[in-house]
């Protein structure tokens, strides 16, 4: 018998389920509010840097340059927070 470990942590699964219950869009706003014409022009957007995604992007570029994979889109990257030493 083989078991495959989920790439999702229990906290990530809980967050996904919560977002689906609330129908939260990728921008963090409930879709009901996001699509309401009465809310047009009322949203304030603040940019935040996703440092984990920044590291993934850098690693992806490095792998594509260094290893020249035939199918780089098939590679999956997972960011983990390094332990403080």
PDB file of N, CA and C in Angstrom:
ATOM      1  N   UNK A   1       0.832  -1.153   0.000  1.00  0.00           N
ATOM      2  CA  UNK A   1       0.000   0.000   0.000  1.00  0.00           C
ATOM      3  C   UNK A   1       0.894   1.238   0.000  1.00  0.00           C
ATOM      4  N   UNK A   2       0.539   2.204  -0.814  1.00  0.00           N
ATOM      5  CA  UNK A   2       1.304   3.435  -0.913  1.00  0.00           C
ATOM      6  C   UNK A   2       0.440   4.608  -0.479  1.00  0.00           C
ATOM      7  N   UNK A   3       1.041   5.508   0.303  1.00  0.00           N
ATOM      8  CA  UNK A   3       0.355   6.717   0.740  1.00  0.00           C
ATOM      9  C   UNK A   3       1.062   7.910   0.132  1.00  0.00           C
ATOM     10  N   UNK A   4       0.306   8.802  -0.421  1.00  0.00           N
ATOM     11  CA  UNK A   4       0.869  10.022  -0.960  1.00  0.00           C
ATOM     12  C   UNK A   4       0.551  11.155   0.006  1.00  0.00           C
ATOM     13  N   UNK A   5       1.588  11.837   0.452  1.00  0.00           N
ATOM     14  CA  UNK A   5       1.391  12.935   1.391  1.00  0.00           C
ATOM     15  C   UNK A   5       0.910  14.166   0.642  1.00  0.00           C
ATOM     16  N   UNK A   6      -0.097  14.810   1.192  1.00  0.00           N
ATOM     17  CA  UNK A   6      -0.649  16.015   0.580  1.00  0.00           C
ATOM     18  C   UNK A   6       0.386  17.132   0.589  1.00  0.00           C
ATOM     19  N   UNK A   7       0.472  17.899  -0.509  1.00  0.00           N
ATOM     20  CA  UNK A   7       1.371  19.045  -0.515  1.00  0.00           C
ATOM     21  C   UNK A   7       0.787  20.219   0.267  1.00  0.00           C
ATOM     22  N   UNK A   8      -0.434  20.075   0.755  1.00  0.00           N
ATOM     23  CA  UNK A   8      -1.122  21.127   1.495  1.00  0.00           C
ATOM     24  C   UNK A   8      -1.068  20.813   2.980  1.00  0.00           C
ATOM     25  N   UNK A   9      -0.792  21.814   3.774  1.00  0.00           N
ATOM     26  CA  UNK A   9      -0.838  21.650   5.224  1.00  0.00           C
ATOM     27  C   UNK A   9      -2.298  21.749   5.668  1.00  0.00           C
ATOM     28  N   UNK A  10      -2.625  21.244   6.854  1.00  0.00           N
ATOM     29  CA  UNK A  10      -3.999  21.388   7.344  1.00  0.00           C
ATOM     30  C   UNK A  10      -4.446  22.849   7.410  1.00  0.00           C
ATOM     31  N   UNK A  11      -3.538  23.753   7.749  1.00  0.00           N
ATOM     32  CA  UNK A  11      -3.886  25.179   7.808  1.00  0.00           C
ATOM     33  C   UNK A  11      -4.229  25.713   6.416  1.00  0.00           C
ATOM     34  N   UNK A  12      -3.485  25.279   5.399  1.00  0.00           N
ATOM     35  CA  UNK A  12      -3.765  25.720   4.034  1.00  0.00           C
ATOM     36  C   UNK A  12      -5.113  25.189   3.551  1.00  0.00           C
ATOM     37  N   UNK A  13      -5.419  23.957   3.898  1.00  0.00           N
ATOM     38  CA  UNK A  13      -6.713  23.365   3.527  1.00  0.00           C
ATOM     39  C   UNK A  13      -7.844  24.137   4.195  1.00  0.00           C
ATOM     40  N   UNK A  14      -7.677  24.454   5.480  1.00  0.00           N
ATOM     41  CA  UNK A  14      -8.705  25.204   6.210  1.00  0.00           C
ATOM     42  C   UNK A  14      -8.915  26.580   5.582  1.00  0.00           C
ATOM     43  N   UNK A  15      -7.835  27.238   5.187  1.00  0.00           N
ATOM     44  CA  UNK A  15      -7.930  28.551   4.554  1.00  0.00           C
ATOM     45  C   UNK A  15      -8.663  28.459   3.221  1.00  0.00           C
ATOM     46  N   UNK A  16      -8.353  27.437   2.446  1.00  0.00           N
ATOM     47  CA  UNK A  16      -9.027  27.235   1.165  1.00  0.00           C
ATOM     48  C   UNK A  16     -10.521  27.016   1.387  1.00  0.00           C
ATOM     49  N   UNK A  17     -10.861  26.155   2.329  1.00  0.00           N
ATOM     50  CA  UNK A  17     -12.275  25.895   2.604  1.00  0.00           C
ATOM     51  C   UNK A  17     -12.994  27.159   3.054  1.00  0.00           C
ATOM     52  N   UNK A  18     -12.363  27.937   3.908  1.00  0.00           N
ATOM     53  CA  UNK A  18     -12.973  29.183   4.382  1.00  0.00           C
ATOM     54  C   UNK A  18     -13.190  30.149   3.229  1.00  0.00           C
ATOM     55  N   UNK A  19     -12.217  30.246   2.341  1.00  0.00           N
ATOM     56  CA  UNK A  19     -12.352  31.167   1.211  1.00  0.00           C
ATOM     57  C   UNK A  19     -13.463  30.720   0.274  1.00  0.00           C
ATOM     58  N   UNK A  20     -13.637  29.420   0.119  1.00  0.00           N
ATOM     59  CA  UNK A  20     -14.706  28.916  -0.745  1.00  0.00           C
ATOM     60  C   UNK A  20     -16.079  29.176  -0.128  1.00  0.00           C
ATOM     61  N   UNK A  21     -16.178  29.041   1.200  1.00  0.00           N
ATOM     62  CA  UNK A  21     -17.455  29.304   1.872  1.00  0.00           C
ATOM     63  C   UNK A  21     -17.839  30.765   1.721  1.00  0.00           C
ATOM     64  N   UNK A  22     -16.856  31.631   1.811  1.00  0.00           N
ATOM     65  CA  UNK A  22     -17.110  33.065   1.735  1.00  0.00           C
ATOM     66  C   UNK A  22     -17.069  33.575   0.289  1.00  0.00           C
ATOM     67  N   UNK A  23     -16.685  32.695  -0.658  1.00  0.00           N
ATOM     68  CA  UNK A  23     -16.549  33.059  -2.067  1.00  0.00           C
ATOM     69  C   UNK A  23     -15.619  34.266  -2.220  1.00  0.00           C
ATOM     70  N   UNK A  24     -14.462  34.162  -1.588  1.00  0.00           N
ATOM     71  CA  UNK A  24     -13.451  35.221  -1.645  1.00  0.00           C
ATOM     72  C   UNK A  24     -12.716  35.152  -2.974  1.00  0.00           C
ATOM     73  N   UNK A  25     -12.590  36.280  -3.643  1.00  0.00           N
ATOM     74  CA  UNK A  25     -11.861  36.338  -4.904  1.00  0.00           C
ATOM     75  C   UNK A  25     -10.362  36.356  -4.664  1.00  0.00           C
ATOM     76  N   UNK A  26      -9.570  36.287  -5.731  1.00  0.00           N
ATOM     77  CA  UNK A  26      -8.111  36.281  -5.592  1.00  0.00           C
ATOM     78  C   UNK A  26      -7.568  37.586  -5.012  1.00  0.00           C
ATOM     79  N   UNK A  27      -8.393  38.603  -4.967  1.00  0.00           N
ATOM     80  CA  UNK A  27      -7.994  39.905  -4.435  1.00  0.00           C
ATOM     81  C   UNK A  27      -8.319  40.039  -2.957  1.00  0.00           C
ATOM     82  N   UNK A  28      -8.954  39.013  -2.358  1.00  0.00           N
ATOM     83  CA  UNK A  28      -9.249  39.025  -0.934  1.00  0.00           C
ATOM     84  C   UNK A  28     -10.598  39.626  -0.569  1.00  0.00           C
ATOM     85  N   UNK A  29     -11.392  39.975  -1.559  1.00  0.00           N
ATOM     86  CA  UNK A  29     -12.703  40.580  -1.335  1.00  0.00           C
ATOM     87  C   UNK A  29     -13.783  39.574  -1.719  1.00  0.00           C
ATOM     88  N   UNK A  30     -14.853  39.452  -0.908  1.00  0.00           N
ATOM     89  CA  UNK A  30     -15.958  38.577  -1.316  1.00  0.00           C
ATOM     90  C   UNK A  30     -16.468  38.991  -2.695  1.00  0.00           C
ATOM     91  N   UNK A  31     -16.715  38.006  -3.546  1.00  0.00           N
ATOM     92  CA  UNK A  31     -17.121  38.283  -4.916  1.00  0.00           C
ATOM     93  C   UNK A  31     -18.437  39.054  -4.977  1.00  0.00           C
ATOM     94  N   UNK A  32     -19.303  38.847  -4.028  1.00  0.00           N
ATOM     95  CA  UNK A  32     -20.568  39.589  -3.995  1.00  0.00           C
ATOM     96  C   UNK A  32     -20.299  41.096  -3.931  1.00  0.00           C
ATOM     97  N   UNK A  33     -19.322  41.483  -3.128  1.00  0.00           N
ATOM     98  CA  UNK A  33     -18.954  42.898  -3.031  1.00  0.00           C
ATOM     99  C   UNK A  33     -18.164  43.351  -4.257  1.00  0.00           C
ATOM    100  N   UNK A  34     -17.272  42.490  -4.736  1.00  0.00           N
ATOM    101  CA  UNK A  34     -16.406  42.847  -5.859  1.00  0.00           C
ATOM    102  C   UNK A  34     -17.191  43.098  -7.139  1.00  0.00           C
ATOM    103  N   UNK A  35     -18.306  42.399  -7.309  1.00  0.00           N
ATOM    104  CA  UNK A  35     -19.087  42.505  -8.537  1.00  0.00           C
ATOM    105  C   UNK A  35     -20.260  43.477  -8.425  1.00  0.00           C
ATOM    106  N   UNK A  36     -20.446  44.078  -7.277  1.00  0.00           N
ATOM    107  CA  UNK A  36     -21.552  45.002  -7.058  1.00  0.00           C
ATOM    108  C   UNK A  36     -21.242  46.351  -7.705  1.00  0.00           C
ATOM    109  N   UNK A  37     -22.023  46.777  -8.710  1.00  0.00           N
ATOM    110  CA  UNK A  37     -21.763  48.051  -9.375  1.00  0.00           C
ATOM    111  C   UNK A  37     -21.770  49.246  -8.411  1.00  0.00           C
ATOM    112  N   UNK A  38     -22.478  49.139  -7.295  1.00  0.00           N
ATOM    113  CA  UNK A  38     -22.494  50.230  -6.314  1.00  0.00           C
ATOM    114  C   UNK A  38     -21.129  50.432  -5.664  1.00  0.00           C
ATOM    115  N   UNK A  39     -20.258  49.437  -5.768  1.00  0.00           N
ATOM    116  CA  UNK A  39     -18.931  49.523  -5.159  1.00  0.00           C
ATOM    117  C   UNK A  39     -17.851  50.000  -6.134  1.00  0.00           C
ATOM    118  N   UNK A  40     -18.240  50.289  -7.362  1.00  0.00           N
ATOM    119  CA  UNK A  40     -17.262  50.744  -8.360  1.00  0.00           C
ATOM    120  C   UNK A  40     -16.561  52.004  -7.872  1.00  0.00           C
ATOM    121  N   UNK A  41     -15.253  51.997  -7.912  1.00  0.00           N
ATOM    122  CA  UNK A  41     -14.458  53.145  -7.522  1.00  0.00           C
ATOM    123  C   UNK A  41     -14.258  53.297  -6.022  1.00  0.00           C
ATOM    124  N   UNK A  42     -14.775  52.338  -5.240  1.00  0.00           N
ATOM    125  CA  UNK A  42     -14.686  52.451  -3.786  1.00  0.00           C
ATOM    126  C   UNK A  42     -13.563  51.605  -3.168  1.00  0.00           C
ATOM    127  N   UNK A  43     -12.902  50.828  -3.964  1.00  0.00           N
ATOM    128  CA  UNK A  43     -11.874  49.936  -3.419  1.00  0.00           C
ATOM    129  C   UNK A  43     -10.533  50.634  -3.334  1.00  0.00           C
ATOM    130  N   UNK A  44      -9.835  50.408  -2.247  1.00  0.00           N
ATOM    131  CA  UNK A  44      -8.473  50.899  -2.063  1.00  0.00           C
ATOM    132  C   UNK A  44      -7.569  49.671  -2.161  1.00  0.00           C
ATOM    133  N   UNK A  45      -6.581  49.754  -3.010  1.00  0.00           N
ATOM    134  CA  UNK A  45      -5.685  48.617  -3.228  1.00  0.00           C
ATOM    135  C   UNK A  45      -4.305  48.955  -2.683  1.00  0.00           C
ATOM    136  N   UNK A  46      -3.765  48.051  -1.905  1.00  0.00           N
ATOM    137  CA  UNK A  46      -2.420  48.214  -1.358  1.00  0.00           C
ATOM    138  C   UNK A  46      -1.571  47.053  -1.857  1.00  0.00           C
ATOM    139  N   UNK A  47      -0.469  47.375  -2.456  1.00  0.00           N
ATOM    140  CA  UNK A  47       0.432  46.334  -2.962  1.00  0.00           C
ATOM    141  C   UNK A  47       1.281  45.796  -1.818  1.00  0.00           C
ATOM    142  N   UNK A  48       1.423  44.501  -1.795  1.00  0.00           N
ATOM    143  CA  UNK A  48       2.301  43.842  -0.831  1.00  0.00           C
ATOM    144  C   UNK A  48       3.183  42.871  -1.588  1.00  0.00           C
ATOM    145  N   UNK A  49       4.420  42.794  -1.166  1.00  0.00           N
ATOM    146  CA  UNK A  49       5.332  41.848  -1.815  1.00  0.00           C
ATOM    147  C   UNK A  49       5.195  40.490  -1.160  1.00  0.00           C
ATOM    148  N   UNK A  50       5.011  39.489  -1.992  1.00  0.00           N
ATOM    149  CA  UNK A  50       4.953  38.103  -1.544  1.00  0.00           C
ATOM    150  C   UNK A  50       6.371  37.557  -1.664  1.00  0.00           C
ATOM    151  N   UNK A  51       7.085  37.531  -0.544  1.00  0.00           N
ATOM    152  CA  UNK A  51       8.497  37.135  -0.567  1.00  0.00           C
ATOM    153  C   UNK A  51       8.680  35.657  -0.908  1.00  0.00           C
ATOM    154  N   UNK A  52       7.701  34.838  -0.548  1.00  0.00           N
ATOM    155  CA  UNK A  52       7.776  33.425  -0.919  1.00  0.00           C
ATOM    156  C   UNK A  52       7.671  33.287  -2.438  1.00  0.00           C
ATOM    157  N   UNK A  53       6.733  34.001  -3.055  1.00  0.00           N
ATOM    158  CA  UNK A  53       6.583  33.936  -4.512  1.00  0.00           C
ATOM    159  C   UNK A  53       7.803  34.511  -5.213  1.00  0.00           C
ATOM    160  N   UNK A  54       8.392  35.546  -4.634  1.00  0.00           N
ATOM    161  CA  UNK A  54       9.605  36.133  -5.197  1.00  0.00           C
ATOM    162  C   UNK A  54      10.724  35.087  -5.246  1.00  0.00           C
ATOM    163  N   UNK A  55      10.859  34.308  -4.175  1.00  0.00           N
ATOM    164  CA  UNK A  55      11.882  33.256  -4.127  1.00  0.00           C
ATOM    165  C   UNK A  55      11.572  32.147  -5.127  1.00  0.00           C
ATOM    166  N   UNK A  56      10.301  31.792  -5.259  1.00  0.00           N
ATOM    167  CA  UNK A  56       9.899  30.777  -6.240  1.00  0.00           C
ATOM    168  C   UNK A  56      10.235  31.260  -7.652  1.00  0.00           C
ATOM    169  N   UNK A  57       9.903  32.506  -7.958  1.00  0.00           N
ATOM    170  CA  UNK A  57      10.183  33.041  -9.291  1.00  0.00           C
ATOM    171  C   UNK A  57      11.676  33.020  -9.607  1.00  0.00           C
ATOM    172  N   UNK A  58      12.506  33.387  -8.628  1.00  0.00           N
ATOM    173  CA  UNK A  58      13.956  33.387  -8.828  1.00  0.00           C
ATOM    174  C   UNK A  58      14.482  31.972  -9.047  1.00  0.00           C
ATOM    175  N   UNK A  59      13.961  31.020  -8.266  1.00  0.00           N
ATOM    176  CA  UNK A  59      14.389  29.628  -8.406  1.00  0.00           C
ATOM    177  C   UNK A  59      13.960  29.072  -9.754  1.00  0.00           C
ATOM    178  N   UNK A  60      12.733  29.395 -10.169  1.00  0.00           N
ATOM    179  CA  UNK A  60      12.233  28.928 -11.466  1.00  0.00           C
ATOM    180  C   UNK A  60      13.138  29.442 -12.591  1.00  0.00           C
ATOM    181  N   UNK A  61      13.461  30.720 -12.552  1.00  0.00           N
ATOM    182  CA  UNK A  61      14.326  31.300 -13.591  1.00  0.00           C
ATOM    183  C   UNK A  61      15.699  30.640 -13.589  1.00  0.00           C
ATOM    184  N   UNK A  62      16.232  30.392 -12.389  1.00  0.00           N
ATOM    185  CA  UNK A  62      17.546  29.747 -12.267  1.00  0.00           C
ATOM    186  C   UNK A  62      17.523  28.337 -12.851  1.00  0.00           C
ATOM    187  N   UNK A  63      16.492  27.547 -12.511  1.00  0.00           N
ATOM    188  CA  UNK A  63      16.391  26.184 -13.026  1.00  0.00           C
ATOM    189  C   UNK A  63      16.244  26.175 -14.540  1.00  0.00           C
ATOM    190  N   UNK A  64      15.425  27.084 -15.072  1.00  0.00           N
ATOM    191  CA  UNK A  64      15.207  27.105 -16.518  1.00  0.00           C
ATOM    192  C   UNK A  64      16.487  27.476 -17.257  1.00  0.00           C
ATOM    193  N   UNK A  65      17.287  28.348 -16.672  1.00  0.00           N
ATOM    194  CA  UNK A  65      18.556  28.742 -17.289  1.00  0.00           C
ATOM    195  C   UNK A  65      19.607  27.648 -17.142  1.00  0.00           C
ATOM    196  N   UNK A  66      19.707  27.106 -15.942  1.00  0.00           N
ATOM    197  CA  UNK A  66      20.772  26.147 -15.630  1.00  0.00           C
ATOM    198  C   UNK A  66      20.532  24.773 -16.239  1.00  0.00           C
ATOM    199  N   UNK A  67      19.294  24.271 -16.153  1.00  0.00           N
ATOM    200  CA  UNK A  67      19.023  22.888 -16.560  1.00  0.00           C
ATOM    201  C   UNK A  67      18.335  22.767 -17.906  1.00  0.00           C
ATOM    202  N   UNK A  68      17.793  23.834 -18.428  1.00  0.00           N
ATOM    203  CA  UNK A  68      17.154  23.830 -19.755  1.00  0.00           C
ATOM    204  C   UNK A  68      16.206  22.645 -19.923  1.00  0.00           C
ATOM    205  N   UNK A  69      15.246  22.529 -19.010  1.00  0.00           N
ATOM    206  CA  UNK A  69      14.275  21.436 -19.067  1.00  0.00           C
ATOM    207  C   UNK A  69      13.461  21.503 -20.353  1.00  0.00           C
ATOM    208  N   UNK A  70      13.096  20.314 -20.832  1.00  0.00           N
ATOM    209  CA  UNK A  70      12.256  20.244 -22.021  1.00  0.00           C
ATOM    210  C   UNK A  70      10.849  20.769 -21.715  1.00  0.00           C
ATOM    211  N   UNK A  71      10.414  20.583 -20.481  1.00  0.00           N
ATOM    212  CA  UNK A  71       9.056  20.978 -20.098  1.00  0.00           C
ATOM    213  C   UNK A  71       9.089  21.682 -18.743  1.00  0.00           C
ATOM    214  N   UNK A  72       9.579  22.925 -18.694  1.00  0.00           N
ATOM    215  CA  UNK A  72       9.702  23.616 -17.404  1.00  0.00           C
ATOM    216  C   UNK A  72       8.363  23.846 -16.720  1.00  0.00           C
ATOM    217  N   UNK A  73       7.286  23.870 -17.480  1.00  0.00           N
ATOM    218  CA  UNK A  73       5.968  24.092 -16.880  1.00  0.00           C
ATOM    219  C   UNK A  73       5.540  22.915 -16.005  1.00  0.00           C
ATOM    220  N   UNK A  74       6.173  21.763 -16.187  1.00  0.00           N
ATOM    221  CA  UNK A  74       5.804  20.587 -15.381  1.00  0.00           C
ATOM    222  C   UNK A  74       6.479  20.592 -14.012  1.00  0.00           C
ATOM    223  N   UNK A  75       7.445  21.474 -13.815  1.00  0.00           N
ATOM    224  CA  UNK A  75       8.117  21.547 -12.527  1.00  0.00           C
ATOM    225  C   UNK A  75       7.239  22.288 -11.526  1.00  0.00           C
ATOM    226  N   UNK A  76       7.199  21.782 -10.314  1.00  0.00           N
ATOM    227  CA  UNK A  76       6.440  22.426  -9.250  1.00  0.00           C
ATOM    228  C   UNK A  76       7.418  22.931  -8.206  1.00  0.00           C
ATOM    229  N   UNK A  77       7.131  24.060  -7.639  1.00  0.00           N
ATOM    230  CA  UNK A  77       8.010  24.674  -6.661  1.00  0.00           C
ATOM    231  C   UNK A  77       7.220  24.884  -5.376  1.00  0.00           C
ATOM    232  N   UNK A  78       7.851  24.599  -4.259  1.00  0.00           N
ATOM    233  CA  UNK A  78       7.213  24.792  -2.972  1.00  0.00           C
ATOM    234  C   UNK A  78       8.156  25.600  -2.094  1.00  0.00           C
ATOM    235  N   UNK A  79       7.679  26.715  -1.602  1.00  0.00           N
ATOM    236  CA  UNK A  79       8.487  27.561  -0.725  1.00  0.00           C
ATOM    237  C   UNK A  79       8.295  27.123   0.725  1.00  0.00           C
ATOM    238  N   UNK A  80       9.360  27.114   1.462  1.00  0.00           N
ATOM    239  CA  UNK A  80       9.320  26.811   2.897  1.00  0.00           C
ATOM    240  C   UNK A  80      10.110  27.876   3.619  1.00  0.00           C
ATOM    241  N   UNK A  81       9.619  28.295   4.759  1.00  0.00           N
ATOM    242  CA  UNK A  81      10.324  29.295   5.544  1.00  0.00           C
ATOM    243  C   UNK A  81      11.516  28.635   6.225  1.00  0.00           C
ATOM    244  N   UNK A  82      12.706  29.163   5.970  1.00  0.00           N
ATOM    245  CA  UNK A  82      13.917  28.596   6.552  1.00  0.00           C
ATOM    246  C   UNK A  82      13.933  28.837   8.047  1.00  0.00           C
ATOM    247  N   UNK A  83      14.474  27.884   8.782  1.00  0.00           N
ATOM    248  CA  UNK A  83      14.580  28.020  10.226  1.00  0.00           C
ATOM    249  C   UNK A  83      15.627  29.069  10.559  1.00  0.00           C
ATOM    250  N   UNK A  84      15.349  29.872  11.575  1.00  0.00           N
ATOM    251  CA  UNK A  84      16.322  30.850  12.031  1.00  0.00           C
ATOM    252  C   UNK A  84      17.450  30.130  12.767  1.00  0.00           C
ATOM    253  N   UNK A  85      18.659  30.510  12.443  1.00  0.00           N
ATOM    254  CA  UNK A  85      19.819  29.874  13.107  1.00  0.00           C
ATOM    255  C   UNK A  85      20.364  30.763  14.194  1.00  0.00           C
TER     256      UNK A  85
END
